[in-house]
């Protein structure tokens, strides 16, 4: 539901996945990702439209899995 609002607790060390960010230049998206990583997020994954994890390549899934694994 696109009109639904959520409050989500995220902390440094988390992987942030954001959907529906819209169309932006790669420079703007990279700037946003770099800023979020400076805040302590381990990884940031942005989707222009709805989040579709099935659209990720096997390498993308492996990288995402590595980011969320704990020691």
PDB file of N, CA and C in Angstrom:
ATOM      1  N   UNK A   1       0.829  -1.181   0.000  1.00  0.00           N
ATOM      2  CA  UNK A   1       0.000   0.000   0.000  1.00  0.00           C
ATOM      3  C   UNK A   1       0.881   1.254   0.000  1.00  0.00           C
ATOM      4  N   UNK A   2       0.924   1.967  -1.080  1.00  0.00           N
ATOM      5  CA  UNK A   2       1.802   3.127  -1.139  1.00  0.00           C
ATOM      6  C   UNK A   2       1.431   4.239  -0.171  1.00  0.00           C
ATOM      7  N   UNK A   3       0.170   4.341   0.232  1.00  0.00           N
ATOM      8  CA  UNK A   3      -0.245   5.408   1.138  1.00  0.00           C
ATOM      9  C   UNK A   3      -0.003   5.077   2.600  1.00  0.00           C
ATOM     10  N   UNK A   4       0.405   3.844   2.871  1.00  0.00           N
ATOM     11  CA  UNK A   4       0.622   3.418   4.249  1.00  0.00           C
ATOM     12  C   UNK A   4       1.912   4.026   4.788  1.00  0.00           C
ATOM     13  N   UNK A   5       1.853   4.554   5.995  1.00  0.00           N
ATOM     14  CA  UNK A   5       3.031   5.135   6.647  1.00  0.00           C
ATOM     15  C   UNK A   5       3.563   4.154   7.666  1.00  0.00           C
ATOM     16  N   UNK A   6       4.901   4.145   7.851  1.00  0.00           N
ATOM     17  CA  UNK A   6       5.531   3.225   8.791  1.00  0.00           C
ATOM     18  C   UNK A   6       6.565   3.966   9.608  1.00  0.00           C
ATOM     19  N   UNK A   7       6.732   3.517  10.811  1.00  0.00           N
ATOM     20  CA  UNK A   7       7.853   3.954  11.631  1.00  0.00           C
ATOM     21  C   UNK A   7       8.737   2.736  11.806  1.00  0.00           C
ATOM     22  N   UNK A   8      10.012   2.860  11.436  1.00  0.00           N
ATOM     23  CA  UNK A   8      10.924   1.731  11.465  1.00  0.00           C
ATOM     24  C   UNK A   8      12.168   2.141  12.229  1.00  0.00           C
ATOM     25  N   UNK A   9      12.540   1.337  13.208  1.00  0.00           N
ATOM     26  CA  UNK A   9      13.752   1.587  13.966  1.00  0.00           C
ATOM     27  C   UNK A   9      14.936   0.989  13.217  1.00  0.00           C
ATOM     28  N   UNK A  10      15.906   1.813  12.913  1.00  0.00           N
ATOM     29  CA  UNK A  10      17.150   1.346  12.300  1.00  0.00           C
ATOM     30  C   UNK A  10      18.302   1.905  13.113  1.00  0.00           C
ATOM     31  N   UNK A  11      19.352   1.117  13.182  1.00  0.00           N
ATOM     32  CA  UNK A  11      20.505   1.504  13.982  1.00  0.00           C
ATOM     33  C   UNK A  11      21.773   1.317  13.169  1.00  0.00           C
ATOM     34  N   UNK A  12      22.854   2.014  13.552  1.00  0.00           N
ATOM     35  CA  UNK A  12      24.127   1.759  12.884  1.00  0.00           C
ATOM     36  C   UNK A  12      24.441   0.262  12.901  1.00  0.00           C
ATOM     37  N   UNK A  13      24.944  -0.233  11.784  1.00  0.00           N
ATOM     38  CA  UNK A  13      25.230  -1.654  11.639  1.00  0.00           C
ATOM     39  C   UNK A  13      24.136  -2.394  10.891  1.00  0.00           C
ATOM     40  N   UNK A  14      22.981  -1.751  10.690  1.00  0.00           N
ATOM     41  CA  UNK A  14      21.881  -2.366   9.949  1.00  0.00           C
ATOM     42  C   UNK A  14      22.094  -2.220   8.448  1.00  0.00           C
ATOM     43  N   UNK A  15      21.401  -3.056   7.687  1.00  0.00           N
ATOM     44  CA  UNK A  15      21.329  -2.916   6.235  1.00  0.00           C
ATOM     45  C   UNK A  15      19.995  -2.243   5.946  1.00  0.00           C
ATOM     46  N   UNK A  16      20.031  -1.158   5.211  1.00  0.00           N
ATOM     47  CA  UNK A  16      18.839  -0.370   4.922  1.00  0.00           C
ATOM     48  C   UNK A  16      18.380  -0.667   3.501  1.00  0.00           C
ATOM     49  N   UNK A  17      17.118  -1.093   3.345  1.00  0.00           N
ATOM     50  CA  UNK A  17      16.526  -1.356   2.038  1.00  0.00           C
ATOM     51  C   UNK A  17      15.344  -0.404   1.894  1.00  0.00           C
ATOM     52  N   UNK A  18      15.405   0.446   0.869  1.00  0.00           N
ATOM     53  CA  UNK A  18      14.368   1.462   0.671  1.00  0.00           C
ATOM     54  C   UNK A  18      13.768   1.299  -0.715  1.00  0.00           C
ATOM     55  N   UNK A  19      12.460   1.264  -0.780  1.00  0.00           N
ATOM     56  CA  UNK A  19      11.755   1.181  -2.054  1.00  0.00           C
ATOM     57  C   UNK A  19      11.102   2.490  -2.414  1.00  0.00           C
ATOM     58  N   UNK A  20      10.727   2.602  -3.678  1.00  0.00           N
ATOM     59  CA  UNK A  20       9.997   3.755  -4.199  1.00  0.00           C
ATOM     60  C   UNK A  20      10.752   5.066  -4.044  1.00  0.00           C
ATOM     61  N   UNK A  21      12.068   5.044  -4.293  1.00  0.00           N
ATOM     62  CA  UNK A  21      12.839   6.282  -4.199  1.00  0.00           C
ATOM     63  C   UNK A  21      12.686   7.148  -5.451  1.00  0.00           C
ATOM     64  N   UNK A  22      12.121   6.600  -6.510  1.00  0.00           N
ATOM     65  CA  UNK A  22      11.924   7.370  -7.731  1.00  0.00           C
ATOM     66  C   UNK A  22      13.166   7.371  -8.606  1.00  0.00           C
ATOM     67  N   UNK A  23      13.067   8.104  -9.685  1.00  0.00           N
ATOM     68  CA  UNK A  23      14.173   8.183 -10.652  1.00  0.00           C
ATOM     69  C   UNK A  23      15.083   9.340 -10.279  1.00  0.00           C
ATOM     70  N   UNK A  24      16.347   9.026 -10.062  1.00  0.00           N
ATOM     71  CA  UNK A  24      17.365  10.019  -9.733  1.00  0.00           C
ATOM     72  C   UNK A  24      18.636   9.668 -10.488  1.00  0.00           C
ATOM     73  N   UNK A  25      19.519  10.622 -10.608  1.00  0.00           N
ATOM     74  CA  UNK A  25      20.789  10.339 -11.276  1.00  0.00           C
ATOM     75  C   UNK A  25      21.620   9.406 -10.403  1.00  0.00           C
ATOM     76  N   UNK A  26      22.509   8.670 -11.035  1.00  0.00           N
ATOM     77  CA  UNK A  26      23.401   7.789 -10.283  1.00  0.00           C
ATOM     78  C   UNK A  26      24.264   8.581  -9.303  1.00  0.00           C
ATOM     79  N   UNK A  27      24.630   9.786  -9.671  1.00  0.00           N
ATOM     80  CA  UNK A  27      25.434  10.638  -8.785  1.00  0.00           C
ATOM     81  C   UNK A  27      24.646  10.961  -7.519  1.00  0.00           C
ATOM     82  N   UNK A  28      23.374  11.341  -7.677  1.00  0.00           N
ATOM     83  CA  UNK A  28      22.541  11.657  -6.510  1.00  0.00           C
ATOM     84  C   UNK A  28      22.322  10.437  -5.629  1.00  0.00           C
ATOM     85  N   UNK A  29      22.071   9.280  -6.258  1.00  0.00           N
ATOM     86  CA  UNK A  29      21.863   8.060  -5.484  1.00  0.00           C
ATOM     87  C   UNK A  29      23.132   7.662  -4.743  1.00  0.00           C
ATOM     88  N   UNK A  30      24.282   7.761  -5.403  1.00  0.00           N
ATOM     89  CA  UNK A  30      25.540   7.409  -4.748  1.00  0.00           C
ATOM     90  C   UNK A  30      25.829   8.358  -3.591  1.00  0.00           C
ATOM     91  N   UNK A  31      25.518   9.623  -3.762  1.00  0.00           N
ATOM     92  CA  UNK A  31      25.704  10.604  -2.692  1.00  0.00           C
ATOM     93  C   UNK A  31      24.835  10.222  -1.479  1.00  0.00           C
ATOM     94  N   UNK A  32      23.591   9.829  -1.728  1.00  0.00           N
ATOM     95  CA  UNK A  32      22.694   9.433  -0.645  1.00  0.00           C
ATOM     96  C   UNK A  32      23.209   8.175   0.060  1.00  0.00           C
ATOM     97  N   UNK A  33      23.653   7.193  -0.715  1.00  0.00           N
ATOM     98  CA  UNK A  33      24.189   5.954  -0.137  1.00  0.00           C
ATOM     99  C   UNK A  33      25.432   6.249   0.691  1.00  0.00           C
ATOM    100  N   UNK A  34      26.325   7.067   0.161  1.00  0.00           N
ATOM    101  CA  UNK A  34      27.546   7.414   0.901  1.00  0.00           C
ATOM    102  C   UNK A  34      27.213   8.089   2.221  1.00  0.00           C
ATOM    103  N   UNK A  35      26.242   8.988   2.194  1.00  0.00           N
ATOM    104  CA  UNK A  35      25.838   9.679   3.423  1.00  0.00           C
ATOM    105  C   UNK A  35      25.263   8.694   4.445  1.00  0.00           C
ATOM    106  N   UNK A  36      24.407   7.790   3.986  1.00  0.00           N
ATOM    107  CA  UNK A  36      23.815   6.808   4.899  1.00  0.00           C
ATOM    108  C   UNK A  36      24.881   5.879   5.473  1.00  0.00           C
ATOM    109  N   UNK A  37      25.863   5.518   4.666  1.00  0.00           N
ATOM    110  CA  UNK A  37      26.950   4.674   5.177  1.00  0.00           C
ATOM    111  C   UNK A  37      27.783   5.418   6.207  1.00  0.00           C
ATOM    112  N   UNK A  38      27.944   6.728   6.034  1.00  0.00           N
ATOM    113  CA  UNK A  38      28.655   7.529   7.032  1.00  0.00           C
ATOM    114  C   UNK A  38      27.909   7.532   8.368  1.00  0.00           C
ATOM    115  N   UNK A  39      26.593   7.361   8.312  1.00  0.00           N
ATOM    116  CA  UNK A  39      25.791   7.288   9.532  1.00  0.00           C
ATOM    117  C   UNK A  39      25.893   5.928  10.207  1.00  0.00           C
ATOM    118  N   UNK A  40      26.570   4.970   9.551  1.00  0.00           N
ATOM    119  CA  UNK A  40      26.829   3.691  10.178  1.00  0.00           C
ATOM    120  C   UNK A  40      26.096   2.498   9.607  1.00  0.00           C
ATOM    121  N   UNK A  41      25.337   2.688   8.521  1.00  0.00           N
ATOM    122  CA  UNK A  41      24.669   1.539   7.921  1.00  0.00           C
ATOM    123  C   UNK A  41      25.701   0.675   7.208  1.00  0.00           C
ATOM    124  N   UNK A  42      25.586  -0.638   7.382  1.00  0.00           N
ATOM    125  CA  UNK A  42      26.511  -1.583   6.760  1.00  0.00           C
ATOM    126  C   UNK A  42      26.301  -1.605   5.249  1.00  0.00           C
ATOM    127  N   UNK A  43      25.070  -1.513   4.838  1.00  0.00           N
ATOM    128  CA  UNK A  43      24.745  -1.529   3.421  1.00  0.00           C
ATOM    129  C   UNK A  43      23.464  -0.771   3.168  1.00  0.00           C
ATOM    130  N   UNK A  44      23.309  -0.288   1.955  1.00  0.00           N
ATOM    131  CA  UNK A  44      22.111   0.444   1.553  1.00  0.00           C
ATOM    132  C   UNK A  44      21.702  -0.070   0.184  1.00  0.00           C
ATOM    133  N   UNK A  45      20.455  -0.455   0.066  1.00  0.00           N
ATOM    134  CA  UNK A  45      19.923  -0.972  -1.188  1.00  0.00           C
ATOM    135  C   UNK A  45      18.704  -0.133  -1.542  1.00  0.00           C
ATOM    136  N   UNK A  46      18.733   0.532  -2.694  1.00  0.00           N
ATOM    137  CA  UNK A  46      17.655   1.427  -3.111  1.00  0.00           C
ATOM    138  C   UNK A  46      16.947   0.868  -4.335  1.00  0.00           C
ATOM    139  N   UNK A  47      15.623   0.973  -4.329  1.00  0.00           N
ATOM    140  CA  UNK A  47      14.807   0.555  -5.473  1.00  0.00           C
ATOM    141  C   UNK A  47      14.024   1.767  -5.967  1.00  0.00           C
ATOM    142  N   UNK A  48      14.020   2.004  -7.268  1.00  0.00           N
ATOM    143  CA  UNK A  48      13.272   3.124  -7.831  1.00  0.00           C
ATOM    144  C   UNK A  48      11.773   2.948  -7.601  1.00  0.00           C
ATOM    145  N   UNK A  49      11.293   1.722  -7.695  1.00  0.00           N
ATOM    146  CA  UNK A  49       9.871   1.421  -7.496  1.00  0.00           C
ATOM    147  C   UNK A  49       9.737   0.507  -6.267  1.00  0.00           C
ATOM    148  N   UNK A  50       8.740  -0.357  -6.281  1.00  0.00           N
ATOM    149  CA  UNK A  50       8.552  -1.289  -5.170  1.00  0.00           C
ATOM    150  C   UNK A  50       9.783  -2.174  -5.002  1.00  0.00           C
ATOM    151  N   UNK A  51      10.008  -2.599  -3.779  1.00  0.00           N
ATOM    152  CA  UNK A  51      11.132  -3.485  -3.483  1.00  0.00           C
ATOM    153  C   UNK A  51      10.852  -4.846  -4.116  1.00  0.00           C
ATOM    154  N   UNK A  52      11.773  -5.297  -4.960  1.00  0.00           N
ATOM    155  CA  UNK A  52      11.653  -6.591  -5.623  1.00  0.00           C
ATOM    156  C   UNK A  52      12.976  -7.328  -5.479  1.00  0.00           C
ATOM    157  N   UNK A  53      13.111  -8.044  -4.382  1.00  0.00           N
ATOM    158  CA  UNK A  53      14.355  -8.763  -4.143  1.00  0.00           C
ATOM    159  C   UNK A  53      14.608  -9.848  -5.184  1.00  0.00           C
ATOM    160  N   UNK A  54      13.543 -10.337  -5.827  1.00  0.00           N
ATOM    161  CA  UNK A  54      13.721 -11.353  -6.854  1.00  0.00           C
ATOM    162  C   UNK A  54      14.366 -10.783  -8.125  1.00  0.00           C
ATOM    163  N   UNK A  55      14.471  -9.465  -8.220  1.00  0.00           N
ATOM    164  CA  UNK A  55      15.130  -8.837  -9.368  1.00  0.00           C
ATOM    165  C   UNK A  55      16.646  -8.757  -9.193  1.00  0.00           C
ATOM    166  N   UNK A  56      17.138  -9.118  -8.015  1.00  0.00           N
ATOM    167  CA  UNK A  56      18.569  -9.061  -7.747  1.00  0.00           C
ATOM    168  C   UNK A  56      19.293 -10.200  -8.458  1.00  0.00           C
ATOM    169  N   UNK A  57      20.512  -9.940  -8.859  1.00  0.00           N
ATOM    170  CA  UNK A  57      21.344 -10.993  -9.449  1.00  0.00           C
ATOM    171  C   UNK A  57      21.856 -11.899  -8.326  1.00  0.00           C
ATOM    172  N   UNK A  58      22.322 -13.100  -8.648  1.00  0.00           N
ATOM    173  CA  UNK A  58      22.889 -13.966  -7.614  1.00  0.00           C
ATOM    174  C   UNK A  58      24.038 -13.290  -6.842  1.00  0.00           C
ATOM    175  N   UNK A  59      24.854 -12.497  -7.535  1.00  0.00           N
ATOM    176  CA  UNK A  59      25.933 -11.776  -6.853  1.00  0.00           C
ATOM    177  C   UNK A  59      25.379 -10.739  -5.878  1.00  0.00           C
ATOM    178  N   UNK A  60      24.301 -10.040  -6.292  1.00  0.00           N
ATOM    179  CA  UNK A  60      23.672  -9.062  -5.404  1.00  0.00           C
ATOM    180  C   UNK A  60      23.145  -9.743  -4.138  1.00  0.00           C
ATOM    181  N   UNK A  61      22.501 -10.901  -4.318  1.00  0.00           N
ATOM    182  CA  UNK A  61      21.959 -11.636  -3.171  1.00  0.00           C
ATOM    183  C   UNK A  61      23.090 -12.086  -2.247  1.00  0.00           C
ATOM    184  N   UNK A  62      24.184 -12.562  -2.818  1.00  0.00           N
ATOM    185  CA  UNK A  62      25.327 -12.994  -2.009  1.00  0.00           C
ATOM    186  C   UNK A  62      25.897 -11.816  -1.219  1.00  0.00           C
ATOM    187  N   UNK A  63      26.012 -10.647  -1.860  1.00  0.00           N
ATOM    188  CA  UNK A  63      26.517  -9.467  -1.162  1.00  0.00           C
ATOM    189  C   UNK A  63      25.577  -9.028  -0.053  1.00  0.00           C
ATOM    190  N   UNK A  64      24.275  -9.047  -0.310  1.00  0.00           N
ATOM    191  CA  UNK A  64      23.289  -8.669   0.702  1.00  0.00           C
ATOM    192  C   UNK A  64      23.323  -9.647   1.870  1.00  0.00           C
ATOM    193  N   UNK A  65      23.419 -10.928   1.571  1.00  0.00           N
ATOM    194  CA  UNK A  65      23.500 -11.950   2.615  1.00  0.00           C
ATOM    195  C   UNK A  65      24.740 -11.763   3.464  1.00  0.00           C
ATOM    196  N   UNK A  66      25.857 -11.452   2.829  1.00  0.00           N
ATOM    197  CA  UNK A  66      27.108 -11.226   3.576  1.00  0.00           C
ATOM    198  C   UNK A  66      26.988 -10.026   4.497  1.00  0.00           C
ATOM    199  N   UNK A  67      26.237  -8.993   4.077  1.00  0.00           N
ATOM    200  CA  UNK A  67      26.077  -7.796   4.899  1.00  0.00           C
ATOM    201  C   UNK A  67      25.281  -8.069   6.166  1.00  0.00           C
ATOM    202  N   UNK A  68      24.311  -8.985   6.094  1.00  0.00           N
ATOM    203  CA  UNK A  68      23.434  -9.203   7.241  1.00  0.00           C
ATOM    204  C   UNK A  68      23.872 -10.349   8.135  1.00  0.00           C
ATOM    205  N   UNK A  69      24.882 -11.110   7.728  1.00  0.00           N
ATOM    206  CA  UNK A  69      25.354 -12.198   8.576  1.00  0.00           C
ATOM    207  C   UNK A  69      26.062 -11.633   9.793  1.00  0.00           C
ATOM    208  N   UNK A  70      25.813 -12.261  10.913  1.00  0.00           N
ATOM    209  CA  UNK A  70      26.483 -11.838  12.148  1.00  0.00           C
ATOM    210  C   UNK A  70      27.565 -12.840  12.499  1.00  0.00           C
ATOM    211  N   UNK A  71      28.529 -12.370  13.259  1.00  0.00           N
ATOM    212  CA  UNK A  71      29.626 -13.259  13.658  1.00  0.00           C
ATOM    213  C   UNK A  71      29.229 -14.093  14.849  1.00  0.00           C
TER     214      UNK A  71
END
